[in-house]
Amino acid sequence: MKVEVIEKLASLMTAAFGLIAALAWNSAIQELFKRYFTSGGTIIALLVYAVIVTIIAVFAAIYIGKVAEKAKE
């Protein structure tokens, strides 16, 4: 039981740090979009941002899944 608790805590802490990193990248990328889209917060800029981030997330998830598969073998 003690090992399971430690594993779960480690997993939750890793997820928390991942969320913090994602929020930091989110802010950084939003600032880049504000710089290159002159009006700053237009709906077009936000949609482009959302599409790009979604595409990156999909490719990252696929890559991570492949690495996990290789690690299991």
Protein backbone atom coordinates (compact mmCIF):
# COMPACT_ATOMS: atom_id res chain seq x y z
CA MET A 1 0.00 0.00 0.00
CA LYS A 2 2.80 2.44 0.90
CA VAL A 3 4.50 1.94 -2.49
CA GLU A 4 1.24 2.63 -4.32
CA VAL A 5 0.76 5.89 -2.41
CA ILE A 6 4.29 7.01 -3.25
CA GLU A 7 3.78 6.10 -6.92
CA LYS A 8 0.50 8.03 -7.06
CA LEU A 9 2.05 11.07 -5.35
CA ALA A 10 4.95 11.01 -7.81
CA SER A 11 2.50 10.77 -10.69
CA LEU A 12 0.40 13.67 -9.40
CA MET A 13 3.46 15.83 -8.77
CA THR A 14 4.73 15.14 -12.28
CA ALA A 15 1.35 16.09 -13.72
CA ALA A 16 1.32 19.28 -11.66
CA PHE A 17 4.75 20.32 -12.93
CA GLY A 18 3.59 19.50 -16.46
CA LEU A 19 0.59 21.78 -16.01
CA ILE A 20 2.80 24.59 -14.73
CA ALA A 21 5.12 24.20 -17.72
CA ALA A 22 2.14 24.17 -20.10
CA LEU A 23 0.78 27.37 -18.59
CA ALA A 24 4.18 29.03 -18.90
CA TRP A 25 4.43 28.03 -22.56
CA ASN A 26 0.86 29.19 -23.09
CA SER A 27 1.71 32.66 -21.82
CA ALA A 28 4.90 32.83 -23.87
CA ILE A 29 3.17 31.77 -27.09
CA GLN A 30 0.30 34.20 -26.48
CA GLU A 31 2.81 37.05 -26.14
CA LEU A 32 4.42 36.03 -29.43
CA PHE A 33 1.02 36.14 -31.13
CA LYS A 34 0.32 39.56 -29.64
CA ARG A 35 3.59 40.82 -31.06
CA TYR A 36 2.97 39.52 -34.60
CA PHE A 37 -0.77 40.19 -34.81
CA THR A 38 -0.94 43.96 -34.45
CA SER A 39 -4.42 44.15 -32.94
CA GLY A 40 -3.32 41.84 -30.12
CA GLY A 41 -6.39 39.82 -29.22
CA THR A 42 -8.41 39.41 -32.38
CA ILE A 43 -10.51 36.30 -32.78
CA ILE A 44 -8.48 35.32 -35.85
CA ALA A 45 -5.24 35.41 -33.85
CA LEU A 46 -6.80 33.34 -31.09
CA LEU A 47 -8.14 30.77 -33.55
CA VAL A 48 -4.76 30.48 -35.29
CA TYR A 49 -3.12 30.08 -31.89
CA ALA A 50 -5.59 27.37 -30.85
CA VAL A 51 -5.12 25.44 -34.10
CA ILE A 52 -1.32 25.56 -33.90
CA VAL A 53 -1.28 24.48 -30.25
CA THR A 54 -3.72 21.64 -31.01
CA ILE A 55 -1.58 20.38 -33.89
CA ILE A 56 1.55 20.46 -31.74
CA ALA A 57 -0.27 18.65 -28.91
CA VAL A 58 -1.48 15.89 -31.26
CA PHE A 59 2.00 15.28 -32.67
CA ALA A 60 3.51 15.34 -29.18
CA ALA A 61 0.95 12.82 -27.92
CA ILE A 62 1.65 10.50 -30.86
CA TYR A 63 5.40 10.75 -30.30
CA ILE A 64 5.10 10.13 -26.56
CA GLY A 65 2.88 7.13 -27.23
CA LYS A 66 5.46 5.63 -29.57
CA VAL A 67 8.25 6.19 -27.05
CA ALA A 68 6.14 4.56 -24.34
CA GLU A 69 5.48 1.56 -26.58
CA LYS A 70 9.20 1.11 -27.24
CA ALA A 71 9.95 1.40 -23.53
CA LYS A 72 7.48 -1.40 -22.77
CA GLU A 73 9.20 -3.76 -25.22
